[in-house]
Amino acid sequence: MRFKTVELIVEETPWTPNTTKLAPAKPEEIVGLKIAYGEVDLGRQIKAAGGKWNPVR
């Protein structure tokens, strides 16, 4: 099967994200990232920065 999709915009309004709920991660804090299949270069950069793969998550 092959599908062709389209996105339909029905309304446009200004938006300001609410940043008060999101605090930046502390340098020592462990955060989860989801890296898409095929993002080899990005995965290498993350590993070089100390990132570790968690097969459970």
PDB file of N, CA and C in Angstrom:
ATOM      1  N   MET A   1       0.839  -1.194   0.000  1.00  0.00           N
ATOM      2  CA  MET A   1       0.000   0.000   0.000  1.00  0.00           C
ATOM      3  C   MET A   1       0.876   1.246   0.000  1.00  0.00           C
ATOM      4  N   ARG A   2       0.415   2.240  -0.665  1.00  0.00           N
ATOM      5  CA  ARG A   2       1.086   3.536  -0.658  1.00  0.00           C
ATOM      6  C   ARG A   2       0.041   4.588  -0.347  1.00  0.00           C
ATOM      7  N   PHE A   3       0.358   5.474   0.585  1.00  0.00           N
ATOM      8  CA  PHE A   3      -0.566   6.532   0.977  1.00  0.00           C
ATOM      9  C   PHE A   3       0.063   7.886   0.720  1.00  0.00           C
ATOM     10  N   LYS A   4      -0.741   8.826   0.305  1.00  0.00           N
ATOM     11  CA  LYS A   4      -0.310  10.208   0.175  1.00  0.00           C
ATOM     12  C   LYS A   4      -1.190  11.008   1.115  1.00  0.00           C
ATOM     13  N   THR A   5      -0.566  11.808   1.998  1.00  0.00           N
ATOM     14  CA  THR A   5      -1.330  12.565   2.990  1.00  0.00           C
ATOM     15  C   THR A   5      -1.144  14.057   2.768  1.00  0.00           C
ATOM     16  N   VAL A   6      -2.010  14.816   3.410  1.00  0.00           N
ATOM     17  CA  VAL A   6      -1.938  16.269   3.335  1.00  0.00           C
ATOM     18  C   VAL A   6      -2.317  16.835   4.698  1.00  0.00           C
ATOM     19  N   GLU A   7      -1.695  17.950   5.061  1.00  0.00           N
ATOM     20  CA  GLU A   7      -2.037  18.623   6.310  1.00  0.00           C
ATOM     21  C   GLU A   7      -2.932  19.809   5.976  1.00  0.00           C
ATOM     22  N   LEU A   8      -4.013  19.933   6.707  1.00  0.00           N
ATOM     23  CA  LEU A   8      -4.973  20.997   6.465  1.00  0.00           C
ATOM     24  C   LEU A   8      -4.985  21.933   7.663  1.00  0.00           C
ATOM     25  N   ILE A   9      -4.719  23.212   7.444  1.00  0.00           N
ATOM     26  CA  ILE A   9      -4.747  24.209   8.513  1.00  0.00           C
ATOM     27  C   ILE A   9      -6.119  24.861   8.499  1.00  0.00           C
ATOM     28  N   VAL A  10      -6.823  24.773   9.635  1.00  0.00           N
ATOM     29  CA  VAL A  10      -8.172  25.328   9.702  1.00  0.00           C
ATOM     30  C   VAL A  10      -8.233  26.615  10.509  1.00  0.00           C
ATOM     31  N   GLU A  11      -7.177  26.917  11.271  1.00  0.00           N
ATOM     32  CA  GLU A  11      -7.164  28.149  12.058  1.00  0.00           C
ATOM     33  C   GLU A  11      -5.723  28.538  12.336  1.00  0.00           C
ATOM     34  N   GLU A  12      -5.460  29.841  12.387  1.00  0.00           N
ATOM     35  CA  GLU A  12      -4.133  30.336  12.713  1.00  0.00           C
ATOM     36  C   GLU A  12      -4.274  31.401  13.777  1.00  0.00           C
ATOM     37  N   THR A  13      -3.608  31.205  14.902  1.00  0.00           N
ATOM     38  CA  THR A  13      -3.631  32.171  16.001  1.00  0.00           C
ATOM     39  C   THR A  13      -2.226  32.322  16.561  1.00  0.00           C
ATOM     40  N   PRO A  14      -1.900  33.486  17.108  1.00  0.00           N
ATOM     41  CA  PRO A  14      -0.580  33.657  17.720  1.00  0.00           C
ATOM     42  C   PRO A  14      -0.424  32.721  18.921  1.00  0.00           C
ATOM     43  N   TRP A  15       0.805  32.269  19.162  1.00  0.00           N
ATOM     44  CA  TRP A  15       1.048  31.357  20.269  1.00  0.00           C
ATOM     45  C   TRP A  15       2.362  31.715  20.945  1.00  0.00           C
ATOM     46  N   THR A  16       2.320  31.797  22.248  1.00  0.00           N
ATOM     47  CA  THR A  16       3.516  31.994  23.055  1.00  0.00           C
ATOM     48  C   THR A  16       3.630  30.794  23.983  1.00  0.00           C
ATOM     49  N   PRO A  17       4.699  30.009  23.870  1.00  0.00           N
ATOM     50  CA  PRO A  17       4.810  28.826  24.719  1.00  0.00           C
ATOM     51  C   PRO A  17       4.928  29.192  26.191  1.00  0.00           C
ATOM     52  N   ASN A  18       4.348  28.360  27.039  1.00  0.00           N
ATOM     53  CA  ASN A  18       4.408  28.558  28.477  1.00  0.00           C
ATOM     54  C   ASN A  18       5.706  27.950  28.980  1.00  0.00           C
ATOM     55  N   THR A  19       6.695  28.783  29.243  1.00  0.00           N
ATOM     56  CA  THR A  19       8.003  28.294  29.677  1.00  0.00           C
ATOM     57  C   THR A  19       8.128  28.249  31.194  1.00  0.00           C
ATOM     58  N   THR A  20       7.110  28.671  31.920  1.00  0.00           N
ATOM     59  CA  THR A  20       7.211  28.656  33.380  1.00  0.00           C
ATOM     60  C   THR A  20       7.163  27.237  33.931  1.00  0.00           C
ATOM     61  N   LYS A  21       6.527  26.304  33.236  1.00  0.00           N
ATOM     62  CA  LYS A  21       6.437  24.926  33.701  1.00  0.00           C
ATOM     63  C   LYS A  21       7.705  24.131  33.410  1.00  0.00           C
ATOM     64  N   LEU A  22       8.437  24.527  32.392  1.00  0.00           N
ATOM     65  CA  LEU A  22       9.614  23.774  31.986  1.00  0.00           C
ATOM     66  C   LEU A  22      10.874  24.450  32.494  1.00  0.00           C
ATOM     67  N   ALA A  23      11.568  23.764  33.391  1.00  0.00           N
ATOM     68  CA  ALA A  23      12.842  24.276  33.882  1.00  0.00           C
ATOM     69  C   ALA A  23      13.950  23.607  33.075  1.00  0.00           C
ATOM     70  N   PRO A  24      15.004  24.339  32.769  1.00  0.00           N
ATOM     71  CA  PRO A  24      16.096  23.709  32.029  1.00  0.00           C
ATOM     72  C   PRO A  24      16.739  22.597  32.862  1.00  0.00           C
ATOM     73  N   ALA A  25      17.220  21.585  32.194  1.00  0.00           N
ATOM     74  CA  ALA A  25      17.878  20.478  32.879  1.00  0.00           C
ATOM     75  C   ALA A  25      19.191  20.949  33.485  1.00  0.00           C
ATOM     76  N   LYS A  26      19.491  20.446  34.672  1.00  0.00           N
ATOM     77  CA  LYS A  26      20.759  20.764  35.320  1.00  0.00           C
ATOM     78  C   LYS A  26      21.849  19.939  34.633  1.00  0.00           C
ATOM     79  N   PRO A  27      23.078  20.433  34.635  1.00  0.00           N
ATOM     80  CA  PRO A  27      24.154  19.695  33.943  1.00  0.00           C
ATOM     81  C   PRO A  27      24.332  18.266  34.439  1.00  0.00           C
ATOM     82  N   GLU A  28      24.060  17.999  35.704  1.00  0.00           N
ATOM     83  CA  GLU A  28      24.245  16.655  36.245  1.00  0.00           C
ATOM     84  C   GLU A  28      22.993  15.786  36.126  1.00  0.00           C
ATOM     85  N   GLU A  29      21.895  16.350  35.633  1.00  0.00           N
ATOM     86  CA  GLU A  29      20.631  15.626  35.530  1.00  0.00           C
ATOM     87  C   GLU A  29      20.619  14.687  34.321  1.00  0.00           C
ATOM     88  N   ILE A  30      20.114  13.476  34.537  1.00  0.00           N
ATOM     89  CA  ILE A  30      19.990  12.510  33.454  1.00  0.00           C
ATOM     90  C   ILE A  30      18.629  12.709  32.786  1.00  0.00           C
ATOM     91  N   VAL A  31      18.635  12.860  31.483  1.00  0.00           N
ATOM     92  CA  VAL A  31      17.398  13.049  30.729  1.00  0.00           C
ATOM     93  C   VAL A  31      17.304  11.983  29.647  1.00  0.00           C
ATOM     94  N   GLY A  32      16.085  11.618  29.282  1.00  0.00           N
ATOM     95  CA  GLY A  32      15.880  10.634  28.232  1.00  0.00           C
ATOM     96  C   GLY A  32      15.744  11.307  26.876  1.00  0.00           C
ATOM     97  N   LEU A  33      16.360  10.723  25.881  1.00  0.00           N
ATOM     98  CA  LEU A  33      16.250  11.209  24.508  1.00  0.00           C
ATOM     99  C   LEU A  33      15.807  10.062  23.627  1.00  0.00           C
ATOM    100  N   LYS A  34      15.024  10.356  22.638  1.00  0.00           N
ATOM    101  CA  LYS A  34      14.635   9.352  21.662  1.00  0.00           C
ATOM    102  C   LYS A  34      15.273   9.749  20.339  1.00  0.00           C
ATOM    103  N   ILE A  35      16.153   8.902  19.857  1.00  0.00           N
ATOM    104  CA  ILE A  35      16.878   9.168  18.618  1.00  0.00           C
ATOM    105  C   ILE A  35      16.268   8.300  17.528  1.00  0.00           C
ATOM    106  N   ALA A  36      15.911   8.901  16.440  1.00  0.00           N
ATOM    107  CA  ALA A  36      15.278   8.175  15.333  1.00  0.00           C
ATOM    108  C   ALA A  36      16.252   7.202  14.691  1.00  0.00           C
ATOM    109  N   TYR A  37      15.712   6.116  14.187  1.00  0.00           N
ATOM    110  CA  TYR A  37      16.505   5.135  13.463  1.00  0.00           C
ATOM    111  C   TYR A  37      17.182   5.821  12.276  1.00  0.00           C
ATOM    112  N   GLY A  38      18.449   5.591  12.128  1.00  0.00           N
ATOM    113  CA  GLY A  38      19.176   6.194  11.020  1.00  0.00           C
ATOM    114  C   GLY A  38      19.931   7.458  11.404  1.00  0.00           C
ATOM    115  N   GLU A  39      19.704   7.977  12.605  1.00  0.00           N
ATOM    116  CA  GLU A  39      20.401   9.183  13.055  1.00  0.00           C
ATOM    117  C   GLU A  39      21.765   8.799  13.631  1.00  0.00           C
ATOM    118  N   VAL A  40      22.602   8.233  12.787  1.00  0.00           N
ATOM    119  CA  VAL A  40      23.890   7.694  13.220  1.00  0.00           C
ATOM    120  C   VAL A  40      24.807   8.794  13.745  1.00  0.00           C
ATOM    121  N   ASP A  41      24.931   9.890  13.018  1.00  0.00           N
ATOM    122  CA  ASP A  41      25.826  10.973  13.443  1.00  0.00           C
ATOM    123  C   ASP A  41      25.383  11.561  14.783  1.00  0.00           C
ATOM    124  N   LEU A  42      24.095  11.759  14.942  1.00  0.00           N
ATOM    125  CA  LEU A  42      23.582  12.296  16.195  1.00  0.00           C
ATOM    126  C   LEU A  42      23.863  11.325  17.338  1.00  0.00           C
ATOM    127  N   GLY A  43      23.649  10.035  17.098  1.00  0.00           N
ATOM    128  CA  GLY A  43      23.934   9.028  18.117  1.00  0.00           C
ATOM    129  C   GLY A  43      25.392   9.033  18.535  1.00  0.00           C
ATOM    130  N   ARG A  44      26.282   9.195  17.587  1.00  0.00           N
ATOM    131  CA  ARG A  44      27.720   9.254  17.888  1.00  0.00           C
ATOM    132  C   ARG A  44      28.055  10.484  18.717  1.00  0.00           C
ATOM    133  N   GLN A  45      27.437  11.615  18.407  1.00  0.00           N
ATOM    134  CA  GLN A  45      27.673  12.839  19.180  1.00  0.00           C
ATOM    135  C   GLN A  45      27.209  12.671  20.617  1.00  0.00           C
ATOM    136  N   ILE A  46      26.067  12.036  20.786  1.00  0.00           N
ATOM    137  CA  ILE A  46      25.537  11.822  22.132  1.00  0.00           C
ATOM    138  C   ILE A  46      26.445  10.881  22.922  1.00  0.00           C
ATOM    139  N   LYS A  47      26.903   9.805  22.291  1.00  0.00           N
ATOM    140  CA  LYS A  47      27.815   8.878  22.966  1.00  0.00           C
ATOM    141  C   LYS A  47      29.123   9.578  23.327  1.00  0.00           C
ATOM    142  N   ALA A  48      29.631  10.433  22.444  1.00  0.00           N
ATOM    143  CA  ALA A  48      30.871  11.158  22.705  1.00  0.00           C
ATOM    144  C   ALA A  48      30.722  12.115  23.881  1.00  0.00           C
ATOM    145  N   ALA A  49      29.502  12.591  24.108  1.00  0.00           N
ATOM    146  CA  ALA A  49      29.235  13.513  25.213  1.00  0.00           C
ATOM    147  C   ALA A  49      28.930  12.760  26.509  1.00  0.00           C
ATOM    148  N   GLY A  50      29.005  11.418  26.467  1.00  0.00           N
ATOM    149  CA  GLY A  50      28.778  10.641  27.681  1.00  0.00           C
ATOM    150  C   GLY A  50      27.426   9.960  27.746  1.00  0.00           C
ATOM    151  N   GLY A  51      26.656  10.023  26.677  1.00  0.00           N
ATOM    152  CA  GLY A  51      25.337   9.401  26.652  1.00  0.00           C
ATOM    153  C   GLY A  51      25.436   7.892  26.679  1.00  0.00           C
ATOM    154  N   LYS A  52      24.431   7.258  27.287  1.00  0.00           N
ATOM    155  CA  LYS A  52      24.401   5.797  27.364  1.00  0.00           C
ATOM    156  C   LYS A  52      23.057   5.305  26.862  1.00  0.00           C
ATOM    157  N   TRP A  53      23.085   4.153  26.185  1.00  0.00           N
ATOM    158  CA  TRP A  53      21.880   3.547  25.646  1.00  0.00           C
ATOM    159  C   TRP A  53      21.187   2.744  26.728  1.00  0.00           C
ATOM    160  N   ASN A  54      19.881   2.892  26.847  1.00  0.00           N
ATOM    161  CA  ASN A  54      19.077   2.129  27.795  1.00  0.00           C
ATOM    162  C   ASN A  54      18.092   1.295  26.988  1.00  0.00           C
ATOM    163  N   PRO A  55      18.349  -0.003  26.821  1.00  0.00           N
ATOM    164  CA  PRO A  55      17.474  -0.821  25.988  1.00  0.00           C
ATOM    165  C   PRO A  55      16.061  -0.974  26.535  1.00  0.00           C
ATOM    166  N   VAL A  56      15.883  -0.778  27.834  1.00  0.00           N
ATOM    167  CA  VAL A  56      14.555  -0.892  28.438  1.00  0.00           C
ATOM    168  C   VAL A  56      13.687   0.297  28.066  1.00  0.00           C
ATOM    169  N   ARG A  57      14.265   1.460  27.973  1.00  0.00           N
ATOM    170  CA  ARG A  57      13.496   2.667  27.704  1.00  0.00           C
ATOM    171  C   ARG A  57      13.517   2.967  26.238  1.00  0.00           C
TER     172      ARG A  57
END
